[in-house]
């Protein structure tokens, strides 16, 4: 039985064949935010390309992606709460 990787739920279904750099960085930040306690300030990400130099993502870039992820998570949480509230009203 294959082991389930903790990042599996974060991957889009079906996964894109060649994700763009921004999508890869966002996926990495999203996965790391789940296991890092101090948030985006303690995350460093390097982009590796075949035949090119290693490129570090700036701290500002990581923080911007983390804020966008948190904002979208807040929007999703608000939508879920509204949906639950509507379902509860329908049951009454």
N, C-alpha and C. Protein backbone atom coordinates (compact mmCIF):
# COMPACT_ATOMS: atom_id res chain seq x y z
N UNK A 1 0.85 -1.17 0.00
CA UNK A 1 0.00 0.00 0.00
C UNK A 1 0.90 1.24 0.00
N UNK A 2 0.74 2.14 -0.97
CA UNK A 2 1.60 3.31 -1.03
C UNK A 2 1.28 4.29 0.09
N UNK A 3 2.32 4.96 0.57
CA UNK A 3 2.13 5.96 1.62
C UNK A 3 1.54 7.23 1.01
N UNK A 4 0.67 7.89 1.77
CA UNK A 4 0.11 9.15 1.29
C UNK A 4 1.02 10.29 1.72
N UNK A 5 1.39 11.11 0.79
CA UNK A 5 2.26 12.25 1.07
C UNK A 5 1.41 13.39 1.63
N UNK A 6 1.89 14.11 2.67
CA UNK A 6 1.08 15.17 3.27
C UNK A 6 0.76 16.32 2.30
N UNK A 7 1.54 16.49 1.24
CA UNK A 7 1.27 17.57 0.28
C UNK A 7 0.26 17.15 -0.78
N UNK A 8 -0.13 15.88 -0.83
CA UNK A 8 -1.04 15.39 -1.87
C UNK A 8 -2.34 16.20 -1.94
N UNK A 9 -2.99 16.56 -0.81
CA UNK A 9 -4.23 17.33 -0.91
C UNK A 9 -4.03 18.73 -1.49
N UNK A 10 -2.81 19.25 -1.47
CA UNK A 10 -2.55 20.58 -1.98
C UNK A 10 -2.41 20.61 -3.49
N UNK A 11 -2.13 19.46 -4.10
CA UNK A 11 -1.89 19.42 -5.53
C UNK A 11 -3.19 19.49 -6.31
N UNK A 12 -3.20 20.25 -7.39
CA UNK A 12 -4.41 20.30 -8.20
C UNK A 12 -4.65 18.96 -8.89
N UNK A 13 -5.91 18.64 -9.13
CA UNK A 13 -6.25 17.37 -9.78
C UNK A 13 -6.89 17.70 -11.11
N UNK A 14 -6.44 17.25 -12.23
CA UNK A 14 -5.15 16.60 -12.42
C UNK A 14 -4.02 17.62 -12.35
N UNK A 15 -2.82 17.18 -11.94
CA UNK A 15 -1.72 18.14 -11.83
C UNK A 15 -1.34 18.68 -13.20
N UNK A 16 -0.99 19.96 -13.27
CA UNK A 16 -0.58 20.51 -14.55
C UNK A 16 0.71 19.86 -15.03
N UNK A 17 0.89 19.76 -16.33
CA UNK A 17 2.07 19.08 -16.86
C UNK A 17 3.34 19.86 -16.58
N UNK A 18 3.34 21.16 -16.82
CA UNK A 18 4.51 21.99 -16.55
C UNK A 18 4.07 23.26 -15.82
N UNK A 19 4.04 23.23 -14.49
CA UNK A 19 3.58 24.40 -13.76
C UNK A 19 4.55 25.57 -13.92
N UNK A 20 4.02 26.77 -13.89
CA UNK A 20 4.83 27.97 -13.98
C UNK A 20 5.53 28.22 -12.65
N UNK A 21 6.56 29.07 -12.67
CA UNK A 21 7.33 29.35 -11.47
C UNK A 21 6.46 29.90 -10.34
N UNK A 22 5.56 30.83 -10.66
CA UNK A 22 4.71 31.42 -9.62
C UNK A 22 3.82 30.37 -8.96
N UNK A 23 3.29 29.46 -9.76
CA UNK A 23 2.43 28.40 -9.20
C UNK A 23 3.25 27.46 -8.32
N UNK A 24 4.48 27.19 -8.72
CA UNK A 24 5.34 26.31 -7.93
C UNK A 24 5.70 26.97 -6.60
N UNK A 25 6.02 28.25 -6.64
CA UNK A 25 6.36 28.97 -5.41
C UNK A 25 5.14 29.02 -4.50
N UNK A 26 3.97 29.29 -5.05
CA UNK A 26 2.75 29.34 -4.23
C UNK A 26 2.47 27.98 -3.59
N UNK A 27 2.66 26.91 -4.34
CA UNK A 27 2.46 25.57 -3.80
C UNK A 27 3.45 25.29 -2.67
N UNK A 28 4.71 25.68 -2.87
CA UNK A 28 5.72 25.46 -1.83
C UNK A 28 5.40 26.26 -0.58
N UNK A 29 5.00 27.52 -0.74
CA UNK A 29 4.66 28.36 0.41
C UNK A 29 3.46 27.78 1.14
N UNK A 30 2.43 27.37 0.39
CA UNK A 30 1.23 26.79 1.01
C UNK A 30 1.58 25.55 1.84
N UNK A 31 2.42 24.68 1.29
CA UNK A 31 2.82 23.46 2.00
C UNK A 31 3.65 23.80 3.23
N UNK A 32 4.58 24.74 3.09
CA UNK A 32 5.45 25.09 4.22
C UNK A 32 4.70 25.82 5.33
N UNK A 33 3.70 26.61 4.98
CA UNK A 33 2.94 27.31 6.00
C UNK A 33 2.19 26.35 6.93
N UNK A 34 1.93 25.15 6.46
CA UNK A 34 1.24 24.17 7.30
C UNK A 34 2.16 23.54 8.34
N UNK A 35 3.46 23.61 8.13
CA UNK A 35 4.38 22.95 9.06
C UNK A 35 5.33 23.91 9.77
N UNK A 36 5.38 25.17 9.35
CA UNK A 36 6.28 26.15 9.96
C UNK A 36 5.49 26.98 10.95
N UNK A 37 6.00 27.10 12.17
CA UNK A 37 5.27 27.79 13.21
C UNK A 37 5.34 29.30 13.09
N UNK A 38 6.47 29.84 12.67
CA UNK A 38 6.68 31.29 12.68
C UNK A 38 6.12 31.98 11.44
N UNK A 39 5.53 31.25 10.52
CA UNK A 39 4.94 31.87 9.33
C UNK A 39 5.97 32.12 8.25
N UNK A 40 5.66 33.07 7.38
CA UNK A 40 6.47 33.31 6.18
C UNK A 40 7.86 33.85 6.50
N UNK A 41 8.06 34.41 7.68
CA UNK A 41 9.36 34.99 8.00
C UNK A 41 10.46 33.95 8.13
N UNK A 42 10.11 32.70 8.37
CA UNK A 42 11.12 31.66 8.53
C UNK A 42 11.21 30.73 7.32
N UNK A 43 10.68 31.18 6.18
CA UNK A 43 10.70 30.36 4.97
C UNK A 43 11.68 30.95 3.96
N UNK A 44 12.49 30.09 3.39
CA UNK A 44 13.37 30.47 2.28
C UNK A 44 13.12 29.50 1.15
N UNK A 45 12.98 30.00 -0.08
CA UNK A 45 12.70 29.16 -1.23
C UNK A 45 13.70 29.50 -2.34
N UNK A 46 14.26 28.47 -2.94
CA UNK A 46 15.15 28.62 -4.08
C UNK A 46 14.51 27.96 -5.29
N UNK A 47 14.60 28.61 -6.45
CA UNK A 47 14.07 28.07 -7.69
C UNK A 47 15.25 27.50 -8.48
N UNK A 48 15.17 26.21 -8.81
CA UNK A 48 16.23 25.54 -9.55
C UNK A 48 15.73 25.24 -10.96
N UNK A 49 16.54 25.63 -11.94
CA UNK A 49 16.21 25.34 -13.34
C UNK A 49 17.38 24.61 -13.96
N UNK A 50 17.08 23.72 -14.87
CA UNK A 50 18.13 22.98 -15.57
C UNK A 50 18.96 23.94 -16.41
N UNK A 51 20.25 23.91 -16.22
CA UNK A 51 21.16 24.73 -17.00
C UNK A 51 21.18 26.19 -16.61
N UNK A 52 20.59 26.54 -15.48
CA UNK A 52 20.57 27.94 -15.05
C UNK A 52 21.03 28.03 -13.60
N UNK A 53 21.29 29.24 -13.17
CA UNK A 53 21.72 29.45 -11.79
C UNK A 53 20.55 29.33 -10.83
N UNK A 54 20.86 28.97 -9.60
CA UNK A 54 19.84 28.91 -8.55
C UNK A 54 19.39 30.33 -8.23
N UNK A 55 18.09 30.51 -8.12
CA UNK A 55 17.53 31.83 -7.88
C UNK A 55 16.73 31.80 -6.58
N UNK A 56 17.09 32.66 -5.64
CA UNK A 56 16.37 32.73 -4.37
C UNK A 56 15.15 33.64 -4.53
N UNK A 57 14.03 33.20 -3.97
CA UNK A 57 12.82 34.03 -3.97
C UNK A 57 12.97 35.03 -2.82
N UNK A 58 12.68 36.30 -3.09
CA UNK A 58 12.85 37.34 -2.07
C UNK A 58 11.88 37.13 -0.90
N UNK A 59 12.27 37.62 0.26
CA UNK A 59 11.41 37.52 1.44
C UNK A 59 10.09 38.25 1.21
N UNK A 60 10.16 39.39 0.50
CA UNK A 60 8.94 40.14 0.20
C UNK A 60 8.01 39.33 -0.71
N UNK A 61 8.60 38.61 -1.66
CA UNK A 61 7.80 37.77 -2.55
C UNK A 61 7.11 36.65 -1.80
N UNK A 62 7.84 36.02 -0.88
CA UNK A 62 7.27 34.94 -0.08
C UNK A 62 6.15 35.47 0.82
N UNK A 63 6.38 36.63 1.44
CA UNK A 63 5.36 37.21 2.31
C UNK A 63 4.10 37.60 1.52
N UNK A 64 4.28 38.10 0.29
CA UNK A 64 3.14 38.47 -0.54
C UNK A 64 2.32 37.23 -0.89
N UNK A 65 3.00 36.13 -1.23
CA UNK A 65 2.30 34.89 -1.56
C UNK A 65 1.60 34.35 -0.32
N UNK A 66 2.27 34.39 0.83
CA UNK A 66 1.67 33.90 2.07
C UNK A 66 0.43 34.72 2.43
N UNK A 67 0.49 36.04 2.25
CA UNK A 67 -0.67 36.89 2.55
C UNK A 67 -1.82 36.56 1.61
N UNK A 68 -1.51 36.34 0.34
CA UNK A 68 -2.57 35.99 -0.63
C UNK A 68 -3.20 34.65 -0.26
N UNK A 69 -2.39 33.70 0.19
CA UNK A 69 -2.91 32.38 0.59
C UNK A 69 -3.80 32.53 1.82
N UNK A 70 -3.34 33.32 2.79
CA UNK A 70 -4.13 33.53 4.01
C UNK A 70 -5.43 34.24 3.69
N UNK A 71 -5.37 35.25 2.79
CA UNK A 71 -6.59 35.97 2.41
C UNK A 71 -7.57 35.05 1.70
N UNK A 72 -7.07 34.21 0.80
CA UNK A 72 -7.96 33.28 0.11
C UNK A 72 -8.51 32.25 1.08
N UNK A 73 -7.70 31.85 2.06
CA UNK A 73 -8.18 30.93 3.10
C UNK A 73 -9.26 31.57 3.95
N UNK A 74 -9.11 32.87 4.25
CA UNK A 74 -10.13 33.58 5.00
C UNK A 74 -11.42 33.67 4.19
N UNK A 75 -11.29 33.92 2.89
CA UNK A 75 -12.47 34.01 2.04
C UNK A 75 -13.17 32.65 1.96
N UNK A 76 -12.37 31.57 1.86
CA UNK A 76 -12.95 30.23 1.83
C UNK A 76 -13.64 29.90 3.15
N UNK A 77 -13.02 30.31 4.27
CA UNK A 77 -13.61 30.06 5.59
C UNK A 77 -14.91 30.84 5.73
N UNK A 78 -14.93 32.10 5.25
CA UNK A 78 -16.15 32.90 5.31
C UNK A 78 -17.26 32.26 4.47
N UNK A 79 -16.90 31.78 3.28
CA UNK A 79 -17.88 31.13 2.41
C UNK A 79 -18.43 29.86 3.05
N UNK A 80 -17.55 29.09 3.69
CA UNK A 80 -17.98 27.86 4.36
C UNK A 80 -18.90 28.18 5.54
N UNK A 81 -18.56 29.24 6.28
CA UNK A 81 -19.40 29.63 7.41
C UNK A 81 -20.76 30.10 6.92
N UNK A 82 -20.79 30.87 5.83
CA UNK A 82 -22.05 31.33 5.28
C UNK A 82 -22.88 30.17 4.78
N UNK A 83 -22.21 29.20 4.15
CA UNK A 83 -22.90 28.01 3.66
C UNK A 83 -23.47 27.21 4.82
N UNK A 84 -22.71 27.07 5.89
CA UNK A 84 -23.19 26.33 7.06
C UNK A 84 -24.35 27.06 7.71
N UNK A 85 -24.26 28.40 7.75
CA UNK A 85 -25.34 29.20 8.32
C UNK A 85 -26.62 29.05 7.50
N UNK A 86 -26.49 29.07 6.19
CA UNK A 86 -27.64 28.91 5.31
C UNK A 86 -28.26 27.52 5.48
N UNK A 87 -27.40 26.51 5.61
CA UNK A 87 -27.90 25.14 5.79
C UNK A 87 -28.63 25.02 7.12
N UNK A 88 -28.12 25.68 8.16
CA UNK A 88 -28.77 25.64 9.47
C UNK A 88 -30.11 26.35 9.42
N UNK A 89 -30.18 27.47 8.68
CA UNK A 89 -31.45 28.19 8.55
C UNK A 89 -32.47 27.35 7.80
N UNK A 90 -32.02 26.59 6.81
CA UNK A 90 -32.93 25.75 6.03
C UNK A 90 -33.51 24.62 6.87
N UNK A 91 -32.72 24.13 7.85
CA UNK A 91 -33.19 23.04 8.69
C UNK A 91 -34.25 23.49 9.68
N UNK A 92 -34.24 24.77 10.04
CA UNK A 92 -35.19 25.29 11.03
C UNK A 92 -36.50 25.43 10.44
